[in-house]
Amino acid sequence: LSLAKQALLSECFLQFVHNEIKAAKSAGKFDVGITTLAGRSVEFGDKPRSFCFGNIASVQVYQVQVDQGMSFETALEMYRNESGSTQDKVQTGFYIQEKRRLDKCNKIYLIIN
């Protein structure tokens, strides 16, 4: 295939995969699989749940809590630095996400424009 056709085929494939992942996430069926958890703190919840599949395999499932945000003090310092240095009316501030998705609590964002 020519390079242009290969690029077009790759783009179509990537768009298809993107749409499938988006649909799976919307349906709550998307599984990230193995991923590295990073954040300010990563803690294990309760004891792991064990599942055995005969003599073939066993799996342990851990509940993990990850804080990927920043401390309130850091966010407030960033806000004060930014809001005090701008002359224009900038839409900088804290915003609360009203629509909950799979989260148990609303997210708060610091937007610096």
PDB file of N, CA and C in Angstrom:
ATOM      1  N   LEU A   1       0.837  -1.195   0.000  1.00  0.00           N
ATOM      2  CA  LEU A   1       0.000   0.000   0.000  1.00  0.00           C
ATOM      3  C   LEU A   1       0.873   1.246   0.000  1.00  0.00           C
ATOM      4  N   SER A   2       0.349   2.276  -0.605  1.00  0.00           N
ATOM      5  CA  SER A   2       1.097   3.536  -0.605  1.00  0.00           C
ATOM      6  C   SER A   2       1.079   4.129   0.804  1.00  0.00           C
ATOM      7  N   LEU A   3       1.986   5.045   1.063  1.00  0.00           N
ATOM      8  CA  LEU A   3       2.103   5.659   2.376  1.00  0.00           C
ATOM      9  C   LEU A   3       0.816   6.411   2.748  1.00  0.00           C
ATOM     10  N   ALA A   4       0.219   7.071   1.799  1.00  0.00           N
ATOM     11  CA  ALA A   4      -1.022   7.810   2.049  1.00  0.00           C
ATOM     12  C   ALA A   4      -2.152   6.862   2.439  1.00  0.00           C
ATOM     13  N   LYS A   5      -2.247   5.708   1.761  1.00  0.00           N
ATOM     14  CA  LYS A   5      -3.286   4.728   2.092  1.00  0.00           C
ATOM     15  C   LYS A   5      -3.028   4.098   3.461  1.00  0.00           C
ATOM     16  N   GLN A   6      -1.752   3.854   3.777  1.00  0.00           N
ATOM     17  CA  GLN A   6      -1.418   3.318   5.094  1.00  0.00           C
ATOM     18  C   GLN A   6      -1.817   4.309   6.194  1.00  0.00           C
ATOM     19  N   ALA A   7      -1.539   5.579   5.975  1.00  0.00           N
ATOM     20  CA  ALA A   7      -1.888   6.614   6.953  1.00  0.00           C
ATOM     21  C   ALA A   7      -3.399   6.694   7.127  1.00  0.00           C
ATOM     22  N   LEU A   8      -4.136   6.619   6.031  1.00  0.00           N
ATOM     23  CA  LEU A   8      -5.599   6.667   6.088  1.00  0.00           C
ATOM     24  C   LEU A   8      -6.152   5.448   6.823  1.00  0.00           C
ATOM     25  N   LEU A   9      -5.615   4.281   6.528  1.00  0.00           N
ATOM     26  CA  LEU A   9      -6.043   3.054   7.192  1.00  0.00           C
ATOM     27  C   LEU A   9      -5.756   3.115   8.691  1.00  0.00           C
ATOM     28  N   SER A  10      -4.587   3.603   9.047  1.00  0.00           N
ATOM     29  CA  SER A  10      -4.232   3.742  10.466  1.00  0.00           C
ATOM     30  C   SER A  10      -5.160   4.721  11.170  1.00  0.00           C
ATOM     31  N   GLU A  11      -5.452   5.832  10.523  1.00  0.00           N
ATOM     32  CA  GLU A  11      -6.352   6.833  11.107  1.00  0.00           C
ATOM     33  C   GLU A  11      -7.752   6.259  11.313  1.00  0.00           C
ATOM     34  N   CYS A  12      -8.255   5.511  10.360  1.00  0.00           N
ATOM     35  CA  CYS A  12      -9.578   4.882  10.499  1.00  0.00           C
ATOM     36  C   CYS A  12      -9.582   3.889  11.656  1.00  0.00           C
ATOM     37  N   PHE A  13      -8.526   3.095  11.755  1.00  0.00           N
ATOM     38  CA  PHE A  13      -8.426   2.121  12.833  1.00  0.00           C
ATOM     39  C   PHE A  13      -8.389   2.812  14.190  1.00  0.00           C
ATOM     40  N   LEU A  14      -7.560   3.851  14.326  1.00  0.00           N
ATOM     41  CA  LEU A  14      -7.463   4.572  15.597  1.00  0.00           C
ATOM     42  C   LEU A  14      -8.784   5.237  15.971  1.00  0.00           C
ATOM     43  N   GLN A  15      -9.496   5.761  15.001  1.00  0.00           N
ATOM     44  CA  GLN A  15     -10.806   6.375  15.276  1.00  0.00           C
ATOM     45  C   GLN A  15     -11.802   5.321  15.739  1.00  0.00           C
ATOM     46  N   PHE A  16     -11.772   4.143  15.110  1.00  0.00           N
ATOM     47  CA  PHE A  16     -12.643   3.040  15.517  1.00  0.00           C
ATOM     48  C   PHE A  16     -12.345   2.627  16.958  1.00  0.00           C
ATOM     49  N   VAL A  17     -11.055   2.464  17.297  1.00  0.00           N
ATOM     50  CA  VAL A  17     -10.669   2.081  18.655  1.00  0.00           C
ATOM     51  C   VAL A  17     -11.109   3.149  19.647  1.00  0.00           C
ATOM     52  N   HIS A  18     -10.899   4.414  19.301  1.00  0.00           N
ATOM     53  CA  HIS A  18     -11.317   5.519  20.171  1.00  0.00           C
ATOM     54  C   HIS A  18     -12.823   5.468  20.434  1.00  0.00           C
ATOM     55  N   ASN A  19     -13.615   5.242  19.402  1.00  0.00           N
ATOM     56  CA  ASN A  19     -15.073   5.174  19.562  1.00  0.00           C
ATOM     57  C   ASN A  19     -15.492   3.977  20.410  1.00  0.00           C
ATOM     58  N   GLU A  20     -14.821   2.838  20.231  1.00  0.00           N
ATOM     59  CA  GLU A  20     -15.138   1.649  21.031  1.00  0.00           C
ATOM     60  C   GLU A  20     -14.820   1.882  22.511  1.00  0.00           C
ATOM     61  N   ILE A  21     -13.695   2.499  22.790  1.00  0.00           N
ATOM     62  CA  ILE A  21     -13.322   2.794  24.179  1.00  0.00           C
ATOM     63  C   ILE A  21     -14.301   3.787  24.789  1.00  0.00           C
ATOM     64  N   LYS A  22     -14.665   4.798  24.041  1.00  0.00           N
ATOM     65  CA  LYS A  22     -15.622   5.804  24.529  1.00  0.00           C
ATOM     66  C   LYS A  22     -16.963   5.154  24.852  1.00  0.00           C
ATOM     67  N   ALA A  23     -17.440   4.265  23.983  1.00  0.00           N
ATOM     68  CA  ALA A  23     -18.705   3.562  24.218  1.00  0.00           C
ATOM     69  C   ALA A  23     -18.612   2.655  25.441  1.00  0.00           C
ATOM     70  N   ALA A  24     -17.492   1.963  25.598  1.00  0.00           N
ATOM     71  CA  ALA A  24     -17.311   1.075  26.751  1.00  0.00           C
ATOM     72  C   ALA A  24     -17.261   1.878  28.048  1.00  0.00           C
ATOM     73  N   LYS A  25     -16.595   3.039  28.028  1.00  0.00           N
ATOM     74  CA  LYS A  25     -16.560   3.891  29.217  1.00  0.00           C
ATOM     75  C   LYS A  25     -17.957   4.388  29.566  1.00  0.00           C
ATOM     76  N   SER A  26     -18.720   4.797  28.569  1.00  0.00           N
ATOM     77  CA  SER A  26     -20.085   5.285  28.806  1.00  0.00           C
ATOM     78  C   SER A  26     -20.974   4.199  29.385  1.00  0.00           C
ATOM     79  N   ALA A  27     -20.756   2.962  28.952  1.00  0.00           N
ATOM     80  CA  ALA A  27     -21.561   1.842  29.436  1.00  0.00           C
ATOM     81  C   ALA A  27     -21.037   1.282  30.756  1.00  0.00           C
ATOM     82  N   GLY A  28     -19.911   1.803  31.229  1.00  0.00           N
ATOM     83  CA  GLY A  28     -19.329   1.309  32.475  1.00  0.00           C
ATOM     84  C   GLY A  28     -18.673  -0.048  32.326  1.00  0.00           C
ATOM     85  N   LYS A  29     -18.297  -0.409  31.103  1.00  0.00           N
ATOM     86  CA  LYS A  29     -17.703  -1.724  30.845  1.00  0.00           C
ATOM     87  C   LYS A  29     -16.224  -1.652  30.492  1.00  0.00           C
ATOM     88  N   PHE A  30     -15.637  -0.456  30.550  1.00  0.00           N
ATOM     89  CA  PHE A  30     -14.238  -0.297  30.158  1.00  0.00           C
ATOM     90  C   PHE A  30     -13.339  -0.731  31.308  1.00  0.00           C
ATOM     91  N   ASP A  31     -12.380  -1.570  31.020  1.00  0.00           N
ATOM     92  CA  ASP A  31     -11.423  -2.043  32.009  1.00  0.00           C
ATOM     93  C   ASP A  31     -10.030  -1.616  31.563  1.00  0.00           C
ATOM     94  N   VAL A  32      -9.387  -0.788  32.366  1.00  0.00           N
ATOM     95  CA  VAL A  32      -8.073  -0.278  32.020  1.00  0.00           C
ATOM     96  C   VAL A  32      -7.053  -1.403  32.008  1.00  0.00           C
ATOM     97  N   GLY A  33      -7.262  -2.397  32.847  1.00  0.00           N
ATOM     98  CA  GLY A  33      -6.292  -3.483  32.944  1.00  0.00           C
ATOM     99  C   GLY A  33      -5.221  -3.116  33.944  1.00  0.00           C
ATOM    100  N   ILE A  34      -4.003  -3.426  33.641  1.00  0.00           N
ATOM    101  CA  ILE A  34      -2.897  -3.119  34.538  1.00  0.00           C
ATOM    102  C   ILE A  34      -2.418  -1.706  34.255  1.00  0.00           C
ATOM    103  N   THR A  35      -2.309  -0.918  35.314  1.00  0.00           N
ATOM    104  CA  THR A  35      -1.853   0.457  35.167  1.00  0.00           C
ATOM    105  C   THR A  35      -1.031   0.851  36.385  1.00  0.00           C
ATOM    106  N   THR A  36      -0.205   1.839  36.221  1.00  0.00           N
ATOM    107  CA  THR A  36       0.583   2.359  37.329  1.00  0.00           C
ATOM    108  C   THR A  36      -0.226   3.432  38.031  1.00  0.00           C
ATOM    109  N   LEU A  37      -0.368   3.311  39.338  1.00  0.00           N
ATOM    110  CA  LEU A  37      -1.106   4.294  40.111  1.00  0.00           C
ATOM    111  C   LEU A  37      -0.123   5.294  40.704  1.00  0.00           C
ATOM    112  N   ALA A  38      -0.350   6.565  40.446  1.00  0.00           N
ATOM    113  CA  ALA A  38       0.521   7.601  40.976  1.00  0.00           C
ATOM    114  C   ALA A  38      -0.338   8.718  41.540  1.00  0.00           C
ATOM    115  N   GLY A  39       0.155   9.372  42.568  1.00  0.00           N
ATOM    116  CA  GLY A  39      -0.567  10.477  43.171  1.00  0.00           C
ATOM    117  C   GLY A  39       0.134  10.940  44.431  1.00  0.00           C
ATOM    118  N   ARG A  40      -0.505  11.897  45.108  1.00  0.00           N
ATOM    119  CA  ARG A  40       0.069  12.382  46.366  1.00  0.00           C
ATOM    120  C   ARG A  40       0.089  11.271  47.391  1.00  0.00           C
ATOM    121  N   SER A  41      -0.940  10.429  47.357  1.00  0.00           N
ATOM    122  CA  SER A  41      -0.961   9.284  48.254  1.00  0.00           C
ATOM    123  C   SER A  41      -1.709   8.136  47.589  1.00  0.00           C
ATOM    124  N   VAL A  42      -1.210   6.941  47.800  1.00  0.00           N
ATOM    125  CA  VAL A  42      -1.849   5.722  47.315  1.00  0.00           C
ATOM    126  C   VAL A  42      -1.934   4.787  48.508  1.00  0.00           C
ATOM    127  N   GLU A  43      -3.172   4.406  48.863  1.00  0.00           N
ATOM    128  CA  GLU A  43      -3.378   3.572  50.045  1.00  0.00           C
ATOM    129  C   GLU A  43      -4.247   2.380  49.697  1.00  0.00           C
ATOM    130  N   PHE A  44      -3.966   1.249  50.348  1.00  0.00           N
ATOM    131  CA  PHE A  44      -4.813   0.080  50.207  1.00  0.00           C
ATOM    132  C   PHE A  44      -5.977   0.210  51.166  1.00  0.00           C
ATOM    133  N   GLY A  45      -7.161  -0.219  50.710  1.00  0.00           N
ATOM    134  CA  GLY A  45      -8.347  -0.198  51.547  1.00  0.00           C
ATOM    135  C   GLY A  45      -8.405  -1.420  52.435  1.00  0.00           C
ATOM    136  N   ASP A  46      -9.476  -2.167  52.374  1.00  0.00           N
ATOM    137  CA  ASP A  46      -9.661  -3.361  53.195  1.00  0.00           C
ATOM    138  C   ASP A  46      -8.717  -4.472  52.757  1.00  0.00           C
ATOM    139  N   LYS A  47      -8.863  -5.613  53.416  1.00  0.00           N
ATOM    140  CA  LYS A  47      -8.079  -6.796  53.047  1.00  0.00           C
ATOM    141  C   LYS A  47      -8.442  -7.208  51.623  1.00  0.00           C
ATOM    142  N   PRO A  48      -7.498  -7.807  50.907  1.00  0.00           N
ATOM    143  CA  PRO A  48      -7.807  -8.220  49.533  1.00  0.00           C
ATOM    144  C   PRO A  48      -8.822  -9.357  49.496  1.00  0.00           C
ATOM    145  N   ARG A  49      -9.612  -9.368  48.432  1.00  0.00           N
ATOM    146  CA  ARG A  49     -10.550 -10.464  48.196  1.00  0.00           C
ATOM    147  C   ARG A  49      -9.857 -11.480  47.300  1.00  0.00           C
ATOM    148  N   SER A  50      -9.948 -12.737  47.656  1.00  0.00           N
ATOM    149  CA  SER A  50      -9.293 -13.795  46.884  1.00  0.00           C
ATOM    150  C   SER A  50     -10.320 -14.598  46.104  1.00  0.00           C
ATOM    151  N   PHE A  51      -9.967 -14.895  44.881  1.00  0.00           N
ATOM    152  CA  PHE A  51     -10.802 -15.725  44.025  1.00  0.00           C
ATOM    153  C   PHE A  51      -9.935 -16.857  43.491  1.00  0.00           C
ATOM    154  N   CYS A  52     -10.409 -18.074  43.632  1.00  0.00           N
ATOM    155  CA  CYS A  52      -9.676 -19.243  43.136  1.00  0.00           C
ATOM    156  C   CYS A  52     -10.432 -19.863  41.968  1.00  0.00           C
ATOM    157  N   PHE A  53      -9.693 -20.276  40.980  1.00  0.00           N
ATOM    158  CA  PHE A  53     -10.262 -20.910  39.792  1.00  0.00           C
ATOM    159  C   PHE A  53      -9.720 -22.330  39.713  1.00  0.00           C
ATOM    160  N   GLY A  54     -10.216 -23.151  40.635  1.00  0.00           N
ATOM    161  CA  GLY A  54      -9.746 -24.532  40.699  1.00  0.00           C
ATOM    162  C   GLY A  54      -8.267 -24.560  41.038  1.00  0.00           C
ATOM    163  N   ASN A  55      -7.563 -25.452  40.421  1.00  0.00           N
ATOM    164  CA  ASN A  55      -6.121 -25.526  40.616  1.00  0.00           C
ATOM    165  C   ASN A  55      -5.367 -24.757  39.533  1.00  0.00           C
ATOM    166  N   ILE A  56      -6.116 -24.026  38.723  1.00  0.00           N
ATOM    167  CA  ILE A  56      -5.494 -23.340  37.586  1.00  0.00           C
ATOM    168  C   ILE A  56      -4.867 -22.010  38.007  1.00  0.00           C
ATOM    169  N   ALA A  57      -5.642 -21.179  38.706  1.00  0.00           N
ATOM    170  CA  ALA A  57      -5.136 -19.847  39.040  1.00  0.00           C
ATOM    171  C   ALA A  57      -5.924 -19.262  40.200  1.00  0.00           C
ATOM    172  N   SER A  58      -5.353 -18.253  40.811  1.00  0.00           N
ATOM    173  CA  SER A  58      -6.052 -17.485  41.836  1.00  0.00           C
ATOM    174  C   SER A  58      -5.739 -16.013  41.630  1.00  0.00           C
ATOM    175  N   VAL A  59      -6.682 -15.176  42.037  1.00  0.00           N
ATOM    176  CA  VAL A  59      -6.549 -13.734  41.853  1.00  0.00           C
ATOM    177  C   VAL A  59      -6.889 -13.056  43.166  1.00  0.00           C
ATOM    178  N   GLN A  60      -6.128 -12.027  43.506  1.00  0.00           N
ATOM    179  CA  GLN A  60      -6.435 -11.217  44.671  1.00  0.00           C
ATOM    180  C   GLN A  60      -6.801  -9.823  44.184  1.00  0.00           C
ATOM    181  N   VAL A  61      -7.934  -9.303  44.670  1.00  0.00           N
ATOM    182  CA  VAL A  61      -8.424  -7.999  44.268  1.00  0.00           C
ATOM    183  C   VAL A  61      -8.275  -7.048  45.446  1.00  0.00           C
ATOM    184  N   TYR A  62      -7.569  -5.950  45.223  1.00  0.00           N
ATOM    185  CA  TYR A  62      -7.340  -4.951  46.258  1.00  0.00           C
ATOM    186  C   TYR A  62      -8.178  -3.715  45.982  1.00  0.00           C
ATOM    187  N   GLN A  63      -8.680  -3.104  47.031  1.00  0.00           N
ATOM    188  CA  GLN A  63      -9.336  -1.809  46.913  1.00  0.00           C
ATOM    189  C   GLN A  63      -8.264  -0.763  47.173  1.00  0.00           C
ATOM    190  N   VAL A  64      -8.098   0.172  46.240  1.00  0.00           N
ATOM    191  CA  VAL A  64      -7.036   1.164  46.335  1.00  0.00           C
ATOM    192  C   VAL A  64      -7.646   2.555  46.283  1.00  0.00           C
ATOM    193  N   GLN A  65      -7.156   3.427  47.146  1.00  0.00           N
ATOM    194  CA  GLN A  65      -7.589   4.823  47.148  1.00  0.00           C
ATOM    195  C   GLN A  65      -6.403   5.674  46.712  1.00  0.00           C
ATOM    196  N   VAL A  66      -6.615   6.495  45.674  1.00  0.00           N
ATOM    197  CA  VAL A  66      -5.548   7.313  45.115  1.00  0.00           C
ATOM    198  C   VAL A  66      -5.966   8.772  45.175  1.00  0.00           C
ATOM    199  N   ASP A  67      -5.108   9.613  45.744  1.00  0.00           N
ATOM    200  CA  ASP A  67      -5.331  11.054  45.759  1.00  0.00           C
ATOM    201  C   ASP A  67      -4.399  11.655  44.715  1.00  0.00           C
ATOM    202  N   GLN A  68      -4.962  12.078  43.584  1.00  0.00           N
ATOM    203  CA  GLN A  68      -4.147  12.617  42.495  1.00  0.00           C
ATOM    204  C   GLN A  68      -4.147  14.138  42.480  1.00  0.00           C
ATOM    205  N   GLY A  69      -4.821  14.735  43.445  1.00  0.00           N
ATOM    206  CA  GLY A  69      -4.915  16.189  43.465  1.00  0.00           C
ATOM    207  C   GLY A  69      -3.729  16.845  44.132  1.00  0.00           C
ATOM    208  N   MET A  70      -3.881  18.127  44.388  1.00  0.00           N
ATOM    209  CA  MET A  70      -2.857  18.863  45.107  1.00  0.00           C
ATOM    210  C   MET A  70      -3.456  19.328  46.422  1.00  0.00           C
ATOM    211  N   SER A  71      -2.612  19.705  47.339  1.00  0.00           N
ATOM    212  CA  SER A  71      -3.111  20.155  48.637  1.00  0.00           C
ATOM    213  C   SER A  71      -3.856  21.474  48.462  1.00  0.00           C
ATOM    214  N   PHE A  72      -4.771  21.749  49.370  1.00  0.00           N
ATOM    215  CA  PHE A  72      -5.537  22.989  49.309  1.00  0.00           C
ATOM    216  C   PHE A  72      -4.606  24.185  49.427  1.00  0.00           C
ATOM    217  N   GLU A  73      -3.595  24.074  50.262  1.00  0.00           N
ATOM    218  CA  GLU A  73      -2.652  25.180  50.457  1.00  0.00           C
ATOM    219  C   GLU A  73      -1.929  25.514  49.151  1.00  0.00           C
ATOM    220  N   THR A  74      -1.514  24.485  48.427  1.00  0.00           N
ATOM    221  CA  THR A  74      -0.833  24.701  47.149  1.00  0.00           C
ATOM    222  C   THR A  74      -1.769  25.350  46.141  1.00  0.00           C
ATOM    223  N   ALA A  75      -3.004  24.863  46.058  1.00  0.00           N
ATOM    224  CA  ALA A  75      -3.980  25.428  45.118  1.00  0.00           C
ATOM    225  C   ALA A  75      -4.292  26.880  45.476  1.00  0.00           C
ATOM    226  N   LEU A  76      -4.457  27.167  46.761  1.00  0.00           N
ATOM    227  CA  LEU A  76      -4.764  28.525  47.189  1.00  0.00           C
ATOM    228  C   LEU A  76      -3.598  29.466  46.890  1.00  0.00           C
ATOM    229  N   GLU A  77      -2.379  28.996  47.083  1.00  0.00           N
ATOM    230  CA  GLU A  77      -1.202  29.817  46.768  1.00  0.00           C
ATOM    231  C   GLU A  77      -1.140  30.113  45.271  1.00  0.00           C
ATOM    232  N   MET A  78      -1.404  29.102  44.445  1.00  0.00           N
ATOM    233  CA  MET A  78      -1.420  29.311  42.994  1.00  0.00           C
ATOM    234  C   MET A  78      -2.495  30.311  42.608  1.00  0.00           C
ATOM    235  N   TYR A  79      -3.665  30.185  43.214  1.00  0.00           N
ATOM    236  CA  TYR A  79      -4.779  31.092  42.919  1.00  0.00           C
ATOM    237  C   TYR A  79      -4.416  32.524  43.290  1.00  0.00           C
ATOM    238  N   ARG A  80      -3.863  32.701  44.473  1.00  0.00           N
ATOM    239  CA  ARG A  80      -3.498  34.054  44.928  1.00  0.00           C
ATOM    240  C   ARG A  80      -2.419  34.664  44.041  1.00  0.00           C
ATOM    241  N   ASN A  81      -1.437  33.877  43.660  1.00  0.00           N
ATOM    242  CA  ASN A  81      -0.376  34.389  42.783  1.00  0.00           C
ATOM    243  C   ASN A  81      -0.931  34.811  41.445  1.00  0.00           C
ATOM    244  N   GLU A  82      -1.821  34.016  40.891  1.00  0.00           N
ATOM    245  CA  GLU A  82      -2.353  34.299  39.561  1.00  0.00           C
ATOM    246  C   GLU A  82      -3.376  35.429  39.589  1.00  0.00           C
ATOM    247  N   SER A  83      -4.287  35.416  40.554  1.00  0.00           N
ATOM    248  CA  SER A  83      -5.350  36.423  40.570  1.00  0.00           C
ATOM    249  C   SER A  83      -4.802  37.797  40.920  1.00  0.00           C
ATOM    250  N   GLY A  84      -3.703  37.878  41.652  1.00  0.00           N
ATOM    251  CA  GLY A  84      -3.136  39.170  42.004  1.00  0.00           C
ATOM    252  C   GLY A  84      -2.279  39.762  40.913  1.00  0.00           C
ATOM    253  N   SER A  85      -1.860  38.966  39.945  1.00  0.00           N
ATOM    254  CA  SER A  85      -0.926  39.450  38.928  1.00  0.00           C
ATOM    255  C   SER A  85      -1.590  39.799  37.607  1.00  0.00           C
ATOM    256  N   THR A  86      -2.893  39.625  37.488  1.00  0.00           N
ATOM    257  CA  THR A  86      -3.544  39.881  36.199  1.00  0.00           C
ATOM    258  C   THR A  86      -4.274  41.215  36.229  1.00  0.00           C
ATOM    259  N   GLN A  87      -4.242  41.907  35.109  1.00  0.00           N
ATOM    260  CA  GLN A  87      -4.930  43.186  34.973  1.00  0.00           C
ATOM    261  C   GLN A  87      -6.311  43.005  34.358  1.00  0.00           C
ATOM    262  N   ASP A  88      -6.434  42.040  33.472  1.00  0.00           N
ATOM    263  CA  ASP A  88      -7.707  41.802  32.780  1.00  0.00           C
ATOM    264  C   ASP A  88      -8.638  41.012  33.674  1.00  0.00           C
ATOM    265  N   LYS A  89      -9.906  41.001  33.304  1.00  0.00           N
ATOM    266  CA  LYS A  89     -10.868  40.167  34.019  1.00  0.00           C
ATOM    267  C   LYS A  89     -10.710  38.743  33.511  1.00  0.00           C
ATOM    268  N   VAL A  90     -10.030  37.945  34.283  1.00  0.00           N
ATOM    269  CA  VAL A  90      -9.722  36.579  33.902  1.00  0.00           C
ATOM    270  C   VAL A  90     -10.659  35.656  34.657  1.00  0.00           C
ATOM    271  N   GLN A  91     -11.083  34.592  34.016  1.00  0.00           N
ATOM    272  CA  GLN A  91     -11.973  33.621  34.644  1.00  0.00           C
ATOM    273  C   GLN A  91     -11.165  32.634  35.462  1.00  0.00           C
ATOM    274  N   THR A  92     -10.366  33.147  36.395  1.00  0.00           N
ATOM    275  CA  THR A  92      -9.552  32.303  37.254  1.00  0.00           C
ATOM    276  C   THR A  92     -10.300  32.074  38.551  1.00  0.00           C
ATOM    277  N   GLY A  93     -10.341  30.846  38.999  1.00  0.00           N
ATOM    278  CA  GLY A  93     -11.000  30.574  40.268  1.00  0.00           C
ATOM    279  C   GLY A  93     -11.239  29.094  40.472  1.00  0.00           C
ATOM    280  N   PHE A  94     -11.882  28.806  41.573  1.00  0.00           N
ATOM    281  CA  PHE A  94     -12.228  27.440  41.921  1.00  0.00           C
ATOM    282  C   PHE A  94     -13.609  27.129  41.361  1.00  0.00           C
ATOM    283  N   TYR A  95     -13.752  25.973  40.756  1.00  0.00           N
ATOM    284  CA  TYR A  95     -15.018  25.555  40.173  1.00  0.00           C
ATOM    285  C   TYR A  95     -15.356  24.158  40.677  1.00  0.00           C
ATOM    286  N   ILE A  96     -16.608  23.967  41.042  1.00  0.00           N
ATOM    287  CA  ILE A  96     -17.075  22.670  41.527  1.00  0.00           C
ATOM    288  C   ILE A  96     -17.822  21.976  40.405  1.00  0.00           C
ATOM    289  N   GLN A  97     -17.442  20.757  40.120  1.00  0.00           N
ATOM    290  CA  GLN A  97     -18.132  19.970  39.098  1.00  0.00           C
ATOM    291  C   GLN A  97     -19.435  19.475  39.702  1.00  0.00           C
ATOM    292  N   GLU A  98     -20.547  19.914  39.143  1.00  0.00           N
ATOM    293  CA  GLU A  98     -21.851  19.549  39.699  1.00  0.00           C
ATOM    294  C   GLU A  98     -22.299  18.171  39.255  1.00  0.00           C
ATOM    295  N   LYS A  99     -21.920  17.776  38.066  1.00  0.00           N
ATOM    296  CA  LYS A  99     -22.361  16.498  37.525  1.00  0.00           C
ATOM    297  C   LYS A  99     -21.438  15.385  38.003  1.00  0.00           C
ATOM    298  N   ARG A 100     -21.957  14.469  38.767  1.00  0.00           N
ATOM    299  CA  ARG A 100     -21.165  13.330  39.223  1.00  0.00           C
ATOM    300  C   ARG A 100     -21.253  12.222  38.186  1.00  0.00           C
ATOM    301  N   ARG A 101     -20.162  11.576  37.988  1.00  0.00           N
ATOM    302  CA  ARG A 101     -20.160  10.454  37.056  1.00  0.00           C
ATOM    303  C   ARG A 101     -20.005   9.178  37.851  1.00  0.00           C
ATOM    304  N   LEU A 102     -18.844   8.624  37.888  1.00  0.00           N
ATOM    305  CA  LEU A 102     -18.611   7.419  38.672  1.00  0.00           C
ATOM    306  C   LEU A 102     -17.998   7.756  40.020  1.00  0.00           C
ATOM    307  N   ASP A 103     -17.752   9.043  40.252  1.00  0.00           N
ATOM    308  CA  ASP A 103     -17.121   9.462  41.488  1.00  0.00           C
ATOM    309  C   ASP A 103     -18.141   9.538  42.613  1.00  0.00           C
ATOM    310  N   LYS A 104     -17.677   9.388  43.839  1.00  0.00           N
ATOM    311  CA  LYS A 104     -18.553   9.466  44.990  1.00  0.00           C
ATOM    312  C   LYS A 104     -18.667  10.894  45.513  1.00  0.00           C
ATOM    313  N   CYS A 105     -17.788  11.770  45.083  1.00  0.00           N
ATOM    314  CA  CYS A 105     -17.849  13.157  45.527  1.00  0.00           C
ATOM    315  C   CYS A 105     -17.577  14.081  44.346  1.00  0.00           C
ATOM    316  N   ASN A 106     -18.041  15.322  44.488  1.00  0.00           N
ATOM    317  CA  ASN A 106     -17.819  16.300  43.431  1.00  0.00           C
ATOM    318  C   ASN A 106     -16.342  16.662  43.369  1.00  0.00           C
ATOM    319  N   LYS A 107     -15.864  16.932  42.177  1.00  0.00           N
ATOM    320  CA  LYS A 107     -14.486  17.355  42.005  1.00  0.00           C
ATOM    321  C   LYS A 107     -14.440  18.878  42.041  1.00  0.00           C
ATOM    322  N   ILE A 108     -13.358  19.411  42.585  1.00  0.00           N
ATOM    323  CA  ILE A 108     -13.139  20.853  42.621  1.00  0.00           C
ATOM    324  C   ILE A 108     -11.905  21.145  41.774  1.00  0.00           C
ATOM    325  N   TYR A 109     -12.047  22.088  40.853  1.00  0.00           N
ATOM    326  CA  TYR A 109     -10.964  22.419  39.950  1.00  0.00           C
ATOM    327  C   TYR A 109     -10.494  23.839  40.206  1.00  0.00           C
ATOM    328  N   LEU A 110      -9.202  24.072  40.083  1.00  0.00           N
ATOM    329  CA  LEU A 110      -8.638  25.416  40.066  1.00  0.00           C
ATOM    330  C   LEU A 110      -8.312  25.709  38.625  1.00  0.00           C
ATOM    331  N   ILE A 111      -9.011  26.680  38.052  1.00  0.00           N
ATOM    332  CA  ILE A 111      -8.805  27.055  36.662  1.00  0.00           C
ATOM    333  C   ILE A 111      -8.000  28.347  36.635  1.00  0.00           C
ATOM    334  N   ILE A 112      -6.866  28.305  35.984  1.00  0.00           N
ATOM    335  CA  ILE A 112      -6.048  29.509  35.815  1.00  0.00           C
ATOM    336  C   ILE A 112      -5.998  29.797  34.339  1.00  0.00           C
ATOM    337  N   ASN A 113      -6.575  30.924  33.978  1.00  0.00           N
ATOM    338  CA  ASN A 113      -6.673  31.286  32.562  1.00  0.00           C
ATOM    339  C   ASN A 113      -5.679  32.389  32.257  1.00  0.00           C
TER     340      ASN A 113
END
